[in-house]
Amino acid sequence: MSETTISENTVATARSVLKELQKDFPVIRDCLPLAIGIDKQLIAQRPEISRKLLRSALAAHTQSLRYLKELQNASVRFNLDGSNADPVSDEQRALAAKTLRERFKKRAEQRKAQEAAEKAERERAAKLNQLAEKFSRN
């Protein structure tokens, strides 16, 4: 198996693990800020899930826009059972806000670059059409 296939399978499997966790745990489904070390709680309740897959699933979850938006406004983290865990520090909220700003800025830059490329392609096509019309008349 190639590395690409292995990583694609891991992503697909991590995604399925995350979907399963979202079904079973409202704190994950609702994107509430998770307690630090939540992976240990999950391993204790779900020993059949490999630690590597679980960490991949949690990484995808905690880096999602929805989770980061919740985290930047939250004051407390939650355990799997929904009980309060640690408070969310100002630094953690600031990091979530910074990550969101950077992502939105990057998306805006990508969108501008794509629009510029599309505009350039339209202009190129228009010039080619003009040339084709000019030389086809003769």
Foldseek 3Di string as FASTA:
>chain_A
DDPVVVVVVLLVLLCVVLVVLLVVFVCLVQLFAADVVLLVVVCVVPVVDDSVSPVVNVVVSCLDLSNLVNLLPFQFHAHRVGDTDGTRDNVRSVVSVVSVVVVVVVVVVVVVVVVVVVVVVVVVVVVVVVVVVVVVVD
